C-alpha atoms as a PDB file:
ATOM      1  CA  UNK A   1     -20.144   6.145   5.874  1.00  0.00           C
ATOM      2  CA  UNK A   2     -21.073   5.193   2.706  1.00  0.00           C
ATOM      3  CA  UNK A   3     -20.484   1.808   1.270  1.00  0.00           C
ATOM      4  CA  UNK A   4     -17.668   1.446  -1.248  1.00  0.00           C
ATOM      5  CA  UNK A   5     -16.934  -1.210  -4.308  1.00  0.00           C
ATOM      6  CA  UNK A   6     -13.148  -1.880  -3.013  1.00  0.00           C
ATOM      7  CA  UNK A   7     -13.407  -1.162   0.689  1.00  0.00           C
ATOM      8  CA  UNK A   8     -14.798  -2.255   3.776  1.00  0.00           C
ATOM      9  CA  UNK A   9     -15.381   0.439   6.295  1.00  0.00           C
ATOM     10  CA  UNK A  10     -16.004  -0.669   9.997  1.00  0.00           C
ATOM     11  CA  UNK A  11     -16.424   1.348  12.833  1.00  0.00           C
ATOM     12  CA  UNK A  12     -15.849   0.229  16.035  1.00  0.00           C
ATOM     13  CA  UNK A  13     -16.148   3.022  19.252  1.00  0.00           C
ATOM     14  CA  UNK A  14     -13.536   5.215  17.830  1.00  0.00           C
ATOM     15  CA  UNK A  15     -11.786   2.738  15.908  1.00  0.00           C
ATOM     16  CA  UNK A  16     -12.084   2.678  12.188  1.00  0.00           C
ATOM     17  CA  UNK A  17     -10.837  -0.161  10.056  1.00  0.00           C
ATOM     18  CA  UNK A  18     -10.782   0.103   6.291  1.00  0.00           C
ATOM     19  CA  UNK A  19     -10.150  -2.993   4.412  1.00  0.00           C
ATOM     20  CA  UNK A  20      -9.142  -2.747   1.079  1.00  0.00           C
ATOM     21  CA  UNK A  21     -11.635  -5.612  -0.581  1.00  0.00           C
ATOM     22  CA  UNK A  22     -10.642  -6.566  -4.598  1.00  0.00           C
ATOM     23  CA  UNK A  23      -9.922 -10.494  -4.169  1.00  0.00           C
ATOM     24  CA  UNK A  24     -10.227 -11.214  -7.961  1.00  0.00           C
ATOM     25  CA  UNK A  25      -7.348  -8.711  -8.225  1.00  0.00           C
ATOM     26  CA  UNK A  26      -5.044  -9.217  -5.222  1.00  0.00           C
ATOM     27  CA  UNK A  27      -6.610  -6.174  -3.866  1.00  0.00           C
ATOM     28  CA  UNK A  28      -4.455  -4.127  -6.439  1.00  0.00           C
ATOM     29  CA  UNK A  29      -5.275  -0.614  -7.090  1.00  0.00           C
ATOM     30  CA  UNK A  30      -7.084   0.680 -10.203  1.00  0.00           C
ATOM     31  CA  UNK A  31      -8.321   4.636 -10.492  1.00  0.00           C
ATOM     32  CA  UNK A  32     -11.852   3.702  -8.555  1.00  0.00           C
ATOM     33  CA  UNK A  33      -9.837   2.156  -5.677  1.00  0.00           C
ATOM     34  CA  UNK A  34      -7.341   4.967  -5.199  1.00  0.00           C
ATOM     35  CA  UNK A  35     -10.385   7.666  -5.484  1.00  0.00           C
ATOM     36  CA  UNK A  36     -12.592   5.711  -2.906  1.00  0.00           C
ATOM     37  CA  UNK A  37      -9.363   5.682  -0.680  1.00  0.00           C
ATOM     38  CA  UNK A  38      -9.442   9.378  -0.840  1.00  0.00           C
ATOM     39  CA  UNK A  39     -13.448   9.630  -0.379  1.00  0.00           C
ATOM     40  CA  UNK A  40     -13.031   7.755   3.058  1.00  0.00           C
ATOM     41  CA  UNK A  41     -10.259   9.653   4.089  1.00  0.00           C
ATOM     42  CA  UNK A  42     -12.189  12.564   3.441  1.00  0.00           C
ATOM     43  CA  UNK A  43     -15.051  11.183   5.531  1.00  0.00           C
ATOM     44  CA  UNK A  44     -12.925  10.424   8.429  1.00  0.00           C
ATOM     45  CA  UNK A  45     -11.193  13.788   8.455  1.00  0.00           C
ATOM     46  CA  UNK A  46     -14.515  15.101   8.668  1.00  0.00           C
ATOM     47  CA  UNK A  47     -15.825  12.685  11.607  1.00  0.00           C
ATOM     48  CA  UNK A  48     -14.525  13.318  15.129  1.00  0.00           C
ATOM     49  CA  UNK A  49     -15.883  10.715  16.493  1.00  0.00           C
ATOM     50  CA  UNK A  50     -13.145   8.394  14.935  1.00  0.00           C
ATOM     51  CA  UNK A  51      -9.490   8.299  16.872  1.00  0.00           C
ATOM     52  CA  UNK A  52      -7.744   5.665  15.226  1.00  0.00           C
ATOM     53  CA  UNK A  53      -7.406   4.535  11.517  1.00  0.00           C
ATOM     54  CA  UNK A  54      -6.437   0.748  10.910  1.00  0.00           C
ATOM     55  CA  UNK A  55      -5.911  -0.167   6.995  1.00  0.00           C
ATOM     56  CA  UNK A  56      -5.991  -3.804   6.172  1.00  0.00           C
ATOM     57  CA  UNK A  57      -7.316  -6.210   3.621  1.00  0.00           C
ATOM     58  CA  UNK A  58     -10.366  -8.548   3.834  1.00  0.00           C
ATOM     59  CA  UNK A  59      -7.471 -11.429   2.564  1.00  0.00           C
ATOM     60  CA  UNK A  60      -4.857 -13.109   4.588  1.00  0.00           C
ATOM     61  CA  UNK A  61      -2.685 -14.120   2.158  1.00  0.00           C
ATOM     62  CA  UNK A  62      -2.816 -10.328   0.211  1.00  0.00           C
ATOM     63  CA  UNK A  63      -2.710  -6.890   1.568  1.00  0.00           C
ATOM     64  CA  UNK A  64      -1.937  -5.338  -1.812  1.00  0.00           C
ATOM     65  CA  UNK A  65      -0.186  -6.645  -4.891  1.00  0.00           C
ATOM     66  CA  UNK A  66       0.403  -2.955  -6.102  1.00  0.00           C
ATOM     67  CA  UNK A  67      -0.974  -1.319  -9.306  1.00  0.00           C
ATOM     68  CA  UNK A  68      -3.652  -3.214 -11.175  1.00  0.00           C
ATOM     69  CA  UNK A  69      -1.721  -4.327 -14.403  1.00  0.00           C
ATOM     70  CA  UNK A  70      -4.956  -3.865 -16.620  1.00  0.00           C
ATOM     71  CA  UNK A  71      -4.417  -0.020 -15.633  1.00  0.00           C
ATOM     72  CA  UNK A  72      -1.016   0.520 -16.147  1.00  0.00           C
ATOM     73  CA  UNK A  73      -0.855  -1.727 -19.230  1.00  0.00           C
ATOM     74  CA  UNK A  74      -2.844   0.955 -21.446  1.00  0.00           C
ATOM     75  CA  UNK A  75      -1.679   4.627 -20.103  1.00  0.00           C
ATOM     76  CA  UNK A  76       0.928   6.648 -21.776  1.00  0.00           C
ATOM     77  CA  UNK A  77       3.552   9.181 -20.422  1.00  0.00           C
ATOM     78  CA  UNK A  78       1.553  12.182 -19.891  1.00  0.00           C
ATOM     79  CA  UNK A  79      -1.363   9.961 -18.390  1.00  0.00           C
ATOM     80  CA  UNK A  80       1.112   7.985 -16.026  1.00  0.00           C
ATOM     81  CA  UNK A  81       2.585  11.475 -14.764  1.00  0.00           C
ATOM     82  CA  UNK A  82      -1.065  12.425 -13.900  1.00  0.00           C
ATOM     83  CA  UNK A  83      -1.826   9.253 -12.674  1.00  0.00           C
ATOM     84  CA  UNK A  84       1.370   9.683  -9.718  1.00  0.00           C
ATOM     85  CA  UNK A  85       0.227  13.021  -9.414  1.00  0.00           C
ATOM     86  CA  UNK A  86      -2.895  11.768  -8.020  1.00  0.00           C
ATOM     87  CA  UNK A  87      -1.779   9.037  -6.037  1.00  0.00           C
ATOM     88  CA  UNK A  88       0.813  11.381  -4.423  1.00  0.00           C
ATOM     89  CA  UNK A  89      -2.169  13.441  -3.430  1.00  0.00           C
ATOM     90  CA  UNK A  90      -4.307  10.704  -2.158  1.00  0.00           C
ATOM     91  CA  UNK A  91      -1.770   9.314  -0.390  1.00  0.00           C
ATOM     92  CA  UNK A  92      -0.571  12.569   1.085  1.00  0.00           C
ATOM     93  CA  UNK A  93      -3.842  13.137   2.400  1.00  0.00           C
ATOM     94  CA  UNK A  94      -3.967   9.800   4.289  1.00  0.00           C
ATOM     95  CA  UNK A  95      -0.519  10.574   5.974  1.00  0.00           C
ATOM     96  CA  UNK A  96      -1.698  13.651   6.831  1.00  0.00           C
ATOM     97  CA  UNK A  97      -4.536  12.869   8.721  1.00  0.00           C
ATOM     98  CA  UNK A  98      -4.307  14.175  12.388  1.00  0.00           C
ATOM     99  CA  UNK A  99      -5.405  10.938  13.919  1.00  0.00           C
ATOM    100  CA  UNK A 100      -2.757   7.689  14.547  1.00  0.00           C
ATOM    101  CA  UNK A 101      -2.815   5.838  11.194  1.00  0.00           C
ATOM    102  CA  UNK A 102      -1.785   2.112  11.675  1.00  0.00           C
ATOM    103  CA  UNK A 103      -0.833  -0.231   8.719  1.00  0.00           C
ATOM    104  CA  UNK A 104      -1.950  -3.859   9.774  1.00  0.00           C
ATOM    105  CA  UNK A 105      -0.383  -5.817   7.073  1.00  0.00           C
ATOM    106  CA  UNK A 106      -1.106  -9.659   6.146  1.00  0.00           C
ATOM    107  CA  UNK A 107       0.311 -11.188   3.233  1.00  0.00           C
ATOM    108  CA  UNK A 108       1.576  -9.853   0.144  1.00  0.00           C
ATOM    109  CA  UNK A 109       2.222  -5.954  -0.080  1.00  0.00           C
ATOM    110  CA  UNK A 110       3.942  -4.617  -2.947  1.00  0.00           C
ATOM    111  CA  UNK A 111       4.407  -1.217  -4.861  1.00  0.00           C
ATOM    112  CA  UNK A 112       1.501   0.898  -4.746  1.00  0.00           C
ATOM    113  CA  UNK A 113       0.444  -1.247  -1.347  1.00  0.00           C
ATOM    114  CA  UNK A 114       3.529  -0.517   0.115  1.00  0.00           C
ATOM    115  CA  UNK A 115       3.614   3.152  -1.034  1.00  0.00           C
ATOM    116  CA  UNK A 116       0.158   3.266   0.711  1.00  0.00           C
ATOM    117  CA  UNK A 117       1.371   1.480   3.885  1.00  0.00           C
ATOM    118  CA  UNK A 118       4.417   3.849   4.186  1.00  0.00           C
ATOM    119  CA  UNK A 119       1.984   6.541   4.857  1.00  0.00           C
ATOM    120  CA  UNK A 120       0.884   5.131   8.128  1.00  0.00           C
ATOM    121  CA  UNK A 121       2.283   6.172  11.346  1.00  0.00           C
ATOM    122  CA  UNK A 122       3.076   2.725  12.206  1.00  0.00           C
ATOM    123  CA  UNK A 123       3.180  -0.600  10.394  1.00  0.00           C
ATOM    124  CA  UNK A 124       2.378  -4.006  11.947  1.00  0.00           C
ATOM    125  CA  UNK A 125       3.038  -6.774   9.788  1.00  0.00           C
ATOM    126  CA  UNK A 126       1.547 -10.633  10.567  1.00  0.00           C
ATOM    127  CA  UNK A 127       4.265 -13.433  10.429  1.00  0.00           C
ATOM    128  CA  UNK A 128       3.264 -14.082   6.783  1.00  0.00           C
ATOM    129  CA  UNK A 129       3.430 -10.488   5.322  1.00  0.00           C
ATOM    130  CA  UNK A 130       6.112  -9.992   2.472  1.00  0.00           C
ATOM    131  CA  UNK A 131       7.161  -6.440   1.085  1.00  0.00           C
ATOM    132  CA  UNK A 132       8.351  -5.035  -2.339  1.00  0.00           C
ATOM    133  CA  UNK A 133       8.753  -2.132  -4.810  1.00  0.00           C
ATOM    134  CA  UNK A 134       9.266  -4.239  -7.865  1.00  0.00           C
ATOM    135  CA  UNK A 135       8.558  -1.763 -10.388  1.00  0.00           C
ATOM    136  CA  UNK A 136      11.840  -1.673 -12.266  1.00  0.00           C
ATOM    137  CA  UNK A 137      10.976  -5.724 -13.242  1.00  0.00           C
ATOM    138  CA  UNK A 138       8.714  -4.209 -15.481  1.00  0.00           C
ATOM    139  CA  UNK A 139      10.622  -1.033 -16.799  1.00  0.00           C
ATOM    140  CA  UNK A 140       8.728   1.377 -13.940  1.00  0.00           C
ATOM    141  CA  UNK A 141      10.049   3.498 -11.197  1.00  0.00           C
ATOM    142  CA  UNK A 142       7.902   3.953  -8.115  1.00  0.00           C
ATOM    143  CA  UNK A 143       5.477   6.644  -8.727  1.00  0.00           C
ATOM    144  CA  UNK A 144       3.343   6.630  -5.444  1.00  0.00           C
ATOM    145  CA  UNK A 145       6.233   7.852  -3.073  1.00  0.00           C
ATOM    146  CA  UNK A 146       8.140   4.704  -2.939  1.00  0.00           C
ATOM    147  CA  UNK A 147      11.338   6.481  -3.422  1.00  0.00           C
ATOM    148  CA  UNK A 148      11.061   9.102  -1.343  1.00  0.00           C
ATOM    149  CA  UNK A 149       9.149   7.071   1.795  1.00  0.00           C
ATOM    150  CA  UNK A 150      11.320   4.056   1.709  1.00  0.00           C
ATOM    151  CA  UNK A 151      14.632   6.164   1.530  1.00  0.00           C
ATOM    152  CA  UNK A 152      13.292   8.137   4.658  1.00  0.00           C
ATOM    153  CA  UNK A 153      12.192   5.065   6.624  1.00  0.00           C
ATOM    154  CA  UNK A 154      15.660   2.884   5.694  1.00  0.00           C
ATOM    155  CA  UNK A 155      17.616   4.625   4.403  1.00  0.00           C
ATOM    156  CA  UNK A 156      19.313   5.582   1.011  1.00  0.00           C
ATOM    157  CA  UNK A 157      21.346   2.637   0.455  1.00  0.00           C
ATOM    158  CA  UNK A 158      18.880  -0.355   1.697  1.00  0.00           C
ATOM    159  CA  UNK A 159      16.207   1.840  -0.287  1.00  0.00           C
ATOM    160  CA  UNK A 160      18.225   1.724  -3.352  1.00  0.00           C
ATOM    161  CA  UNK A 161      19.138  -2.207  -3.007  1.00  0.00           C
ATOM    162  CA  UNK A 162      15.660  -3.187  -2.748  1.00  0.00           C
ATOM    163  CA  UNK A 163      14.320  -1.135  -5.553  1.00  0.00           C
ATOM    164  CA  UNK A 164      17.140  -1.668  -8.033  1.00  0.00           C
ATOM    165  CA  UNK A 165      16.457  -5.359  -7.188  1.00  0.00           C
ATOM    166  CA  UNK A 166      12.691  -5.949  -7.034  1.00  0.00           C
ATOM    167  CA  UNK A 167      13.665  -8.143  -4.150  1.00  0.00           C
ATOM    168  CA  UNK A 168      10.366  -9.094  -1.704  1.00  0.00           C
ATOM    169  CA  UNK A 169      11.360  -9.250   1.560  1.00  0.00           C
ATOM    170  CA  UNK A 170       9.809 -11.312   4.614  1.00  0.00           C
ATOM    171  CA  UNK A 171       8.765  -9.532   7.866  1.00  0.00           C
ATOM    172  CA  UNK A 172      11.560 -10.631   9.885  1.00  0.00           C
ATOM    173  CA  UNK A 173      13.955  -8.531   7.494  1.00  0.00           C
ATOM    174  CA  UNK A 174      11.542  -5.751   7.086  1.00  0.00           C
ATOM    175  CA  UNK A 175      11.851  -5.476  10.976  1.00  0.00           C
ATOM    176  CA  UNK A 176      15.373  -5.576  10.796  1.00  0.00           C
ATOM    177  CA  UNK A 177      15.842  -2.730   8.400  1.00  0.00           C
ATOM    178  CA  UNK A 178      13.125  -0.574  10.442  1.00  0.00           C
ATOM    179  CA  UNK A 179      10.315  -0.960   7.915  1.00  0.00           C
ATOM    180  CA  UNK A 180       7.890  -2.379  10.380  1.00  0.00           C
ATOM    181  CA  UNK A 181       7.229  -1.834  13.823  1.00  0.00           C
ATOM    182  CA  UNK A 182       6.668  -5.163  15.205  1.00  0.00           C
ATOM    183  CA  UNK A 183       5.720  -8.683  13.574  1.00  0.00           C
ATOM    184  CA  UNK A 184       2.453 -10.575  15.375  1.00  0.00           C
ATOM    185  CA  UNK A 185       1.045 -14.016  14.509  1.00  0.00           C
ATOM    186  CA  UNK A 186      -1.570 -14.328  12.223  1.00  0.00           C
ATOM    187  CA  UNK A 187      -3.636 -16.069  14.671  1.00  0.00           C
ATOM    188  CA  UNK A 188      -5.054 -13.244  16.540  1.00  0.00           C
ATOM    189  CA  UNK A 189      -3.519 -10.643  14.663  1.00  0.00           C
ATOM    190  CA  UNK A 190      -6.569  -8.246  14.260  1.00  0.00           C
ATOM    191  CA  UNK A 191      -7.107  -8.477  18.200  1.00  0.00           C
ATOM    192  CA  UNK A 192      -3.602  -7.430  18.523  1.00  0.00           C
ATOM    193  CA  UNK A 193      -4.012  -4.515  15.958  1.00  0.00           C
ATOM    194  CA  UNK A 194      -7.192  -3.506  17.960  1.00  0.00           C
ATOM    195  CA  UNK A 195      -5.621  -3.490  21.479  1.00  0.00           C
ATOM    196  CA  UNK A 196      -2.443  -1.145  19.855  1.00  0.00           C
ATOM    197  CA  UNK A 197      -5.380   1.270  19.116  1.00  0.00           C
ATOM    198  CA  UNK A 198      -7.359   0.954  22.100  1.00  0.00           C
ATOM    199  CA  UNK A 199      -4.304   2.220  24.095  1.00  0.00           C
ATOM    200  CA  UNK A 200      -3.539   5.007  21.714  1.00  0.00           C
ATOM    201  CA  UNK A 201      -7.325   6.243  22.289  1.00  0.00           C
ATOM    202  CA  UNK A 202      -6.399   6.831  25.739  1.00  0.00           C
ATOM    203  CA  UNK A 203      -3.733   9.340  25.259  1.00  0.00           C
ATOM    204  CA  UNK A 204      -4.411  13.335  24.894  1.00  0.00           C
ATOM    205  CA  UNK A 205      -5.682  13.378  20.872  1.00  0.00           C
ATOM    206  CA  UNK A 206      -4.555  17.117  20.832  1.00  0.00           C
ATOM    207  CA  UNK A 207      -0.969  15.996  21.755  1.00  0.00           C
ATOM    208  CA  UNK A 208      -0.740  13.040  19.265  1.00  0.00           C
ATOM    209  CA  UNK A 209      -1.916  15.450  16.416  1.00  0.00           C
ATOM    210  CA  UNK A 210       0.653  18.254  17.502  1.00  0.00           C
ATOM    211  CA  UNK A 211       3.282  15.151  17.666  1.00  0.00           C
ATOM    212  CA  UNK A 212       2.539  13.815  14.314  1.00  0.00           C
ATOM    213  CA  UNK A 213       2.692  17.402  13.034  1.00  0.00           C
ATOM    214  CA  UNK A 214       6.501  17.992  14.002  1.00  0.00           C
ATOM    215  CA  UNK A 215       7.505  14.337  13.436  1.00  0.00           C
ATOM    216  CA  UNK A 216       6.457  14.625   9.918  1.00  0.00           C
ATOM    217  CA  UNK A 217       8.287  18.204   9.966  1.00  0.00           C
ATOM    218  CA  UNK A 218      11.341  16.874  10.715  1.00  0.00           C
ATOM    219  CA  UNK A 219      11.278  13.705   8.404  1.00  0.00           C
ATOM    220  CA  UNK A 220      10.064  15.593   5.098  1.00  0.00           C
ATOM    221  CA  UNK A 221      12.345  18.398   4.587  1.00  0.00           C
ATOM    222  CA  UNK A 222      12.039  18.165   1.043  1.00  0.00           C
ATOM    223  CA  UNK A 223       8.699  17.633  -1.109  1.00  0.00           C
ATOM    224  CA  UNK A 224      10.554  18.479  -4.620  1.00  0.00           C
ATOM    225  CA  UNK A 225      11.226  14.782  -4.710  1.00  0.00           C
ATOM    226  CA  UNK A 226       7.547  13.715  -5.020  1.00  0.00           C
ATOM    227  CA  UNK A 227       7.357  16.084  -8.004  1.00  0.00           C
ATOM    228  CA  UNK A 228      10.538  14.567  -9.639  1.00  0.00           C
ATOM    229  CA  UNK A 229       9.103  11.183  -8.880  1.00  0.00           C
ATOM    230  CA  UNK A 230       5.936  12.179 -11.027  1.00  0.00           C
ATOM    231  CA  UNK A 231       8.069  13.376 -13.819  1.00  0.00           C
ATOM    232  CA  UNK A 232      10.055  10.272 -14.298  1.00  0.00           C
ATOM    233  CA  UNK A 233       7.124   7.985 -13.714  1.00  0.00           C
ATOM    234  CA  UNK A 234       5.587  10.131 -16.823  1.00  0.00           C
ATOM    235  CA  UNK A 235       9.064   9.584 -18.871  1.00  0.00           C
ATOM    236  CA  UNK A 236       9.464   5.750 -18.323  1.00  0.00           C
ATOM    237  CA  UNK A 237       5.856   5.057 -19.955  1.00  0.00           C
ATOM    238  CA  UNK A 238       6.360   7.335 -22.413  1.00  0.00           C
ATOM    239  CA  UNK A 239       9.464   5.069 -23.130  1.00  0.00           C
ATOM    240  CA  UNK A 240       7.082   2.131 -24.222  1.00  0.00           C
ATOM    241  CA  UNK A 241       9.031  -0.261 -22.129  1.00  0.00           C
ATOM    242  CA  UNK A 242       6.720  -0.579 -19.147  1.00  0.00           C
ATOM    243  CA  UNK A 243       4.057  -1.492 -21.735  1.00  0.00           C
ATOM    244  CA  UNK A 244       6.395  -4.291 -23.416  1.00  0.00           C
ATOM    245  CA  UNK A 245       7.198  -5.550 -20.147  1.00  0.00           C
ATOM    246  CA  UNK A 246       3.510  -5.484 -18.392  1.00  0.00           C
ATOM    247  CA  UNK A 247       2.044  -7.289 -21.475  1.00  0.00           C
ATOM    248  CA  UNK A 248       4.814 -10.003 -20.986  1.00  0.00           C
ATOM    249  CA  UNK A 249       3.930 -10.252 -17.363  1.00  0.00           C
ATOM    250  CA  UNK A 250       0.135 -10.309 -18.135  1.00  0.00           C
ATOM    251  CA  UNK A 251       0.897 -13.190 -20.617  1.00  0.00           C
ATOM    252  CA  UNK A 252       2.810 -15.222 -17.935  1.00  0.00           C
ATOM    253  CA  UNK A 253      -0.167 -14.599 -15.756  1.00  0.00           C
ATOM    254  CA  UNK A 254      -2.929 -16.181 -17.937  1.00  0.00           C
ATOM    255  CA  UNK A 255      -0.703 -18.903 -18.490  1.00  0.00           C
ATOM    256  CA  UNK A 256      -0.054 -19.824 -14.920  1.00  0.00           C
ATOM    257  CA  UNK A 257      -3.693 -19.710 -14.620  1.00  0.00           C
ATOM    258  CA  UNK A 258      -4.308 -21.899 -17.235  1.00  0.00           C
ATOM    259  CA  UNK A 259      -1.844 -24.448 -15.711  1.00  0.00           C
ATOM    260  CA  UNK A 260      -3.424 -23.975 -12.132  1.00  0.00           C
ATOM    261  CA  UNK A 261      -6.966 -24.749 -13.771  1.00  0.00           C
ATOM    262  CA  UNK A 262      -5.565 -27.636 -15.210  1.00  0.00           C
ATOM    263  CA  UNK A 263      -4.030 -28.983 -12.227  1.00  0.00           C
ATOM    264  CA  UNK A 264      -7.446 -28.592 -10.610  1.00  0.00           C
ATOM    265  CA  UNK A 265      -9.143 -30.602 -13.150  1.00  0.00           C
ATOM    266  CA  UNK A 266      -6.984 -33.430 -13.219  1.00  0.00           C
ATOM    267  CA  UNK A 267      -6.868 -33.151  -9.409  1.00  0.00           C
ATOM    268  CA  UNK A 268     -11.137 -33.444  -9.476  1.00  0.00           C
ATOM    269  CA  UNK A 269     -12.338 -37.483  -9.566  1.00  0.00           C
ATOM    270  CA  UNK A 270     -13.458 -38.663 -12.091  1.00  0.00           C
ATOM    271  CA  UNK A 271     -17.451 -39.966 -12.249  1.00  0.00           C
END
């Protein structure tokens, strides 16, 4: 399989680990990252040797911070609607893979990161995992399927509470509300996920494929919600409010980095 700027792909006797690798950007999605994911999914679909896909990250502290603010900070309404459409297409292709897709989440998993995670067949969380759809903080609505998949996984009342509040929840709460399948210690986490993947490979690939299709049919009776999510996502950006809020957030991030740099400088021993 090809090499990628933002992902590391490791094949291991039928298991394929695909790891987000944008450490300087907290594994946030930009346009290139999203399109590379689509290329990877297409390559996996064409490779009969791959029996199970595991999506993770190279960081123990950050699965994905979501969407790159530098990307979202410059788009307008029509461009935002198009972005939402593209992300729905890419995440939908991932979700529709015929093989089992495991999401192995360590650390922070927000907005687009969580929207991608919810496309998996199973989500396993490390004990330090945290989850959130925090778009409303920035005057944005989820644009990668968050309003649809979160509602179907945890129910409408919990989904609305999490989306409206922008609250970030820990692994224990995520397990309690049905967002994740299980929690494992950070030490030995990858080995545990590998073991689960190997067990899945022992069962009939054809039967799993058929069951996956049938469960999807039972869950997704109405695809119109995704279309409406694209429209609303574009309308929010057209209002101008997201750009204002994102500018404030970016300034705040820069100030935090400067404060952190001063702290580190003060800590360094004097000659």
